[in-house]
Amino acid sequence: MMKSNSYFTIIMVICLIYSISRWTNTCFKLWLKFGIPPIAILPLES
């Protein structure tokens, strides 16, 4: 049981990293498309 549980955890971590990398890639493309540098966004969020 412990073996399948750790396997499931590894799958979850891989999915999480994949979704985060896709999300950041999409944001980066949007920033390039609209010509907004990422640094200009940071003060607006805080």
PDB file of N, CA and C in Angstrom:
ATOM      1  N   MET A   1       0.838  -1.201   0.000  1.00  0.00           N
ATOM      2  CA  MET A   1       0.000   0.000   0.000  1.00  0.00           C
ATOM      3  C   MET A   1       0.877   1.256   0.000  1.00  0.00           C
ATOM      4  N   MET A   2       1.954   1.227   0.759  1.00  0.00           N
ATOM      5  CA  MET A   2       2.843   2.383   0.833  1.00  0.00           C
ATOM      6  C   MET A   2       3.475   2.665  -0.522  1.00  0.00           C
ATOM      7  N   LYS A   3       3.754   1.619  -1.284  1.00  0.00           N
ATOM      8  CA  LYS A   3       4.412   1.786  -2.576  1.00  0.00           C
ATOM      9  C   LYS A   3       3.506   2.528  -3.559  1.00  0.00           C
ATOM     10  N   SER A   4       2.246   2.149  -3.644  1.00  0.00           N
ATOM     11  CA  SER A   4       1.317   2.809  -4.573  1.00  0.00           C
ATOM     12  C   SER A   4       1.009   4.232  -4.118  1.00  0.00           C
ATOM     13  N   ASN A   5       1.044   4.472  -2.813  1.00  0.00           N
ATOM     14  CA  ASN A   5       0.769   5.798  -2.288  1.00  0.00           C
ATOM     15  C   ASN A   5       1.881   6.775  -2.681  1.00  0.00           C
ATOM     16  N   SER A   6       3.122   6.346  -2.583  1.00  0.00           N
ATOM     17  CA  SER A   6       4.243   7.209  -2.958  1.00  0.00           C
ATOM     18  C   SER A   6       4.257   7.422  -4.475  1.00  0.00           C
ATOM     19  N   TYR A   7       3.850   6.397  -5.227  1.00  0.00           N
ATOM     20  CA  TYR A   7       3.753   6.522  -6.682  1.00  0.00           C
ATOM     21  C   TYR A   7       2.727   7.586  -7.057  1.00  0.00           C
ATOM     22  N   PHE A   8       1.601   7.574  -6.361  1.00  0.00           N
ATOM     23  CA  PHE A   8       0.539   8.560  -6.600  1.00  0.00           C
ATOM     24  C   PHE A   8       1.034   9.966  -6.282  1.00  0.00           C
ATOM     25  N   THR A   9       1.810  10.098  -5.208  1.00  0.00           N
ATOM     26  CA  THR A   9       2.365  11.401  -4.829  1.00  0.00           C
ATOM     27  C   THR A   9       3.292  11.930  -5.910  1.00  0.00           C
ATOM     28  N   ILE A  10       4.123  11.046  -6.474  1.00  0.00           N
ATOM     29  CA  ILE A  10       5.040  11.448  -7.543  1.00  0.00           C
ATOM     30  C   ILE A  10       4.261  11.942  -8.758  1.00  0.00           C
ATOM     31  N   ILE A  11       3.185  11.235  -9.107  1.00  0.00           N
ATOM     32  CA  ILE A  11       2.341  11.643 -10.240  1.00  0.00           C
ATOM     33  C   ILE A  11       1.736  13.024  -9.994  1.00  0.00           C
ATOM     34  N   MET A  12       1.268  13.260  -8.756  1.00  0.00           N
ATOM     35  CA  MET A  12       0.678  14.552  -8.410  1.00  0.00           C
ATOM     36  C   MET A  12       1.685  15.690  -8.525  1.00  0.00           C
ATOM     37  N   VAL A  13       2.922  15.443  -8.068  1.00  0.00           N
ATOM     38  CA  VAL A  13       3.978  16.457  -8.135  1.00  0.00           C
ATOM     39  C   VAL A  13       4.320  16.761  -9.589  1.00  0.00           C
ATOM     40  N   ILE A  14       4.406  15.745 -10.429  1.00  0.00           N
ATOM     41  CA  ILE A  14       4.712  15.940 -11.851  1.00  0.00           C
ATOM     42  C   ILE A  14       3.604  16.758 -12.518  1.00  0.00           C
ATOM     43  N   CYS A  15       2.350  16.446 -12.214  1.00  0.00           N
ATOM     44  CA  CYS A  15       1.223  17.188 -12.774  1.00  0.00           C
ATOM     45  C   CYS A  15       1.244  18.643 -12.313  1.00  0.00           C
ATOM     46  N   LEU A  16       1.596  18.852 -11.043  1.00  0.00           N
ATOM     47  CA  LEU A  16       1.648  20.198 -10.491  1.00  0.00           C
ATOM     48  C   LEU A  16       2.723  21.025 -11.176  1.00  0.00           C
ATOM     49  N   ILE A  17       3.911  20.446 -11.323  1.00  0.00           N
ATOM     50  CA  ILE A  17       5.016  21.148 -11.986  1.00  0.00           C
ATOM     51  C   ILE A  17       4.664  21.435 -13.446  1.00  0.00           C
ATOM     52  N   TYR A  18       4.018  20.469 -14.109  1.00  0.00           N
ATOM     53  CA  TYR A  18       3.636  20.649 -15.510  1.00  0.00           C
ATOM     54  C   TYR A  18       2.633  21.784 -15.669  1.00  0.00           C
ATOM     55  N   SER A  19       1.624  21.831 -14.792  1.00  0.00           N
ATOM     56  CA  SER A  19       0.608  22.876 -14.893  1.00  0.00           C
ATOM     57  C   SER A  19       1.187  24.252 -14.568  1.00  0.00           C
ATOM     58  N   ILE A  20       2.101  24.316 -13.597  1.00  0.00           N
ATOM     59  CA  ILE A  20       2.742  25.593 -13.258  1.00  0.00           C
ATOM     60  C   ILE A  20       3.589  26.090 -14.417  1.00  0.00           C
ATOM     61  N   SER A  21       4.347  25.185 -15.036  1.00  0.00           N
ATOM     62  CA  SER A  21       5.199  25.597 -16.156  1.00  0.00           C
ATOM     63  C   SER A  21       4.362  26.044 -17.348  1.00  0.00           C
ATOM     64  N   ARG A  22       3.230  25.395 -17.566  1.00  0.00           N
ATOM     65  CA  ARG A  22       2.333  25.810 -18.650  1.00  0.00           C
ATOM     66  C   ARG A  22       1.731  27.184 -18.361  1.00  0.00           C
ATOM     67  N   TRP A  23       1.353  27.410 -17.105  1.00  0.00           N
ATOM     68  CA  TRP A  23       0.742  28.684 -16.712  1.00  0.00           C
ATOM     69  C   TRP A  23       1.723  29.833 -16.860  1.00  0.00           C
ATOM     70  N   THR A  24       2.967  29.648 -16.410  1.00  0.00           N
ATOM     71  CA  THR A  24       3.976  30.695 -16.527  1.00  0.00           C
ATOM     72  C   THR A  24       4.328  30.942 -17.990  1.00  0.00           C
ATOM     73  N   ASN A  25       4.343  29.886 -18.796  1.00  0.00           N
ATOM     74  CA  ASN A  25       4.623  30.020 -20.221  1.00  0.00           C
ATOM     75  C   ASN A  25       3.529  30.834 -20.905  1.00  0.00           C
ATOM     76  N   THR A  26       2.272  30.586 -20.526  1.00  0.00           N
ATOM     77  CA  THR A  26       1.150  31.339 -21.090  1.00  0.00           C
ATOM     78  C   THR A  26       1.223  32.811 -20.694  1.00  0.00           C
ATOM     79  N   CYS A  27       1.536  33.070 -19.431  1.00  0.00           N
ATOM     80  CA  CYS A  27       1.661  34.461 -18.965  1.00  0.00           C
ATOM     81  C   CYS A  27       2.786  35.179 -19.693  1.00  0.00           C
ATOM     82  N   PHE A  28       3.898  34.472 -19.882  1.00  0.00           N
ATOM     83  CA  PHE A  28       5.044  35.070 -20.561  1.00  0.00           C
ATOM     84  C   PHE A  28       4.693  35.429 -22.002  1.00  0.00           C
ATOM     85  N   LYS A  29       3.939  34.566 -22.668  1.00  0.00           N
ATOM     86  CA  LYS A  29       3.513  34.852 -24.046  1.00  0.00           C
ATOM     87  C   LYS A  29       2.568  36.053 -24.087  1.00  0.00           C
ATOM     88  N   LEU A  30       1.694  36.156 -23.100  1.00  0.00           N
ATOM     89  CA  LEU A  30       0.776  37.302 -23.045  1.00  0.00           C
ATOM     90  C   LEU A  30       1.534  38.601 -22.816  1.00  0.00           C
ATOM     91  N   TRP A  31       2.556  38.548 -21.915  1.00  0.00           N
ATOM     92  CA  TRP A  31       3.367  39.736 -21.666  1.00  0.00           C
ATOM     93  C   TRP A  31       4.077  40.182 -22.931  1.00  0.00           C
ATOM     94  N   LEU A  32       4.615  39.222 -23.704  1.00  0.00           N
ATOM     95  CA  LEU A  32       5.288  39.561 -24.954  1.00  0.00           C
ATOM     96  C   LEU A  32       4.301  40.120 -25.970  1.00  0.00           C
ATOM     97  N   LYS A  33       3.091  39.551 -25.992  1.00  0.00           N
ATOM     98  CA  LYS A  33       2.073  39.953 -26.963  1.00  0.00           C
ATOM     99  C   LYS A  33       1.632  41.401 -26.721  1.00  0.00           C
ATOM    100  N   PHE A  34       1.419  41.755 -25.452  1.00  0.00           N
ATOM    101  CA  PHE A  34       0.940  43.093 -25.122  1.00  0.00           C
ATOM    102  C   PHE A  34       2.073  44.076 -24.842  1.00  0.00           C
ATOM    103  N   GLY A  35       3.315  43.573 -24.829  1.00  0.00           N
ATOM    104  CA  GLY A  35       4.467  44.440 -24.616  1.00  0.00           C
ATOM    105  C   GLY A  35       4.593  44.961 -23.200  1.00  0.00           C
ATOM    106  N   ILE A  36       4.049  44.217 -22.231  1.00  0.00           N
ATOM    107  CA  ILE A  36       4.136  44.635 -20.834  1.00  0.00           C
ATOM    108  C   ILE A  36       5.262  43.845 -20.155  1.00  0.00           C
ATOM    109  N   PRO A  37       6.295  44.524 -19.670  1.00  0.00           N
ATOM    110  CA  PRO A  37       7.356  43.805 -18.979  1.00  0.00           C
ATOM    111  C   PRO A  37       6.857  43.237 -17.648  1.00  0.00           C
ATOM    112  N   PRO A  38       7.294  42.032 -17.274  1.00  0.00           N
ATOM    113  CA  PRO A  38       6.813  41.405 -16.031  1.00  0.00           C
ATOM    114  C   PRO A  38       7.062  42.268 -14.795  1.00  0.00           C
ATOM    115  N   ILE A  39       8.125  43.061 -14.779  1.00  0.00           N
ATOM    116  CA  ILE A  39       8.452  43.890 -13.612  1.00  0.00           C
ATOM    117  C   ILE A  39       7.367  44.950 -13.393  1.00  0.00           C
ATOM    118  N   ALA A  40       6.723  45.406 -14.466  1.00  0.00           N
ATOM    119  CA  ALA A  40       5.676  46.430 -14.341  1.00  0.00           C
ATOM    120  C   ALA A  40       4.423  45.847 -13.665  1.00  0.00           C
ATOM    121  N   ILE A  41       4.246  44.541 -13.734  1.00  0.00           N
ATOM    122  CA  ILE A  41       3.077  43.897 -13.130  1.00  0.00           C
ATOM    123  C   ILE A  41       3.236  43.777 -11.616  1.00  0.00           C
ATOM    124  N   LEU A  42       4.466  43.521 -11.152  1.00  0.00           N
ATOM    125  CA  LEU A  42       4.714  43.240  -9.738  1.00  0.00           C
ATOM    126  C   LEU A  42       4.208  44.328  -8.783  1.00  0.00           C
ATOM    127  N   PRO A  43       4.461  45.609  -9.015  1.00  0.00           N
ATOM    128  CA  PRO A  43       3.949  46.619  -8.072  1.00  0.00           C
ATOM    129  C   PRO A  43       2.425  46.684  -8.033  1.00  0.00           C
ATOM    130  N   LEU A  44       1.767  46.310  -9.126  1.00  0.00           N
ATOM    131  CA  LEU A  44       0.315  46.374  -9.176  1.00  0.00           C
ATOM    132  C   LEU A  44      -0.319  45.307  -8.294  1.00  0.00           C
ATOM    133  N   GLU A  45       0.349  44.140  -8.147  1.00  0.00           N
ATOM    134  CA  GLU A  45      -0.210  43.051  -7.371  1.00  0.00           C
ATOM    135  C   GLU A  45      -0.039  43.250  -5.875  1.00  0.00           C
ATOM    136  N   SER A  46       1.042  43.927  -5.468  1.00  0.00           N
ATOM    137  CA  SER A  46       1.311  44.076  -4.041  1.00  0.00           C
ATOM    138  C   SER A  46       0.527  45.239  -3.414  1.00  0.00           C
TER     139      SER A  46
END
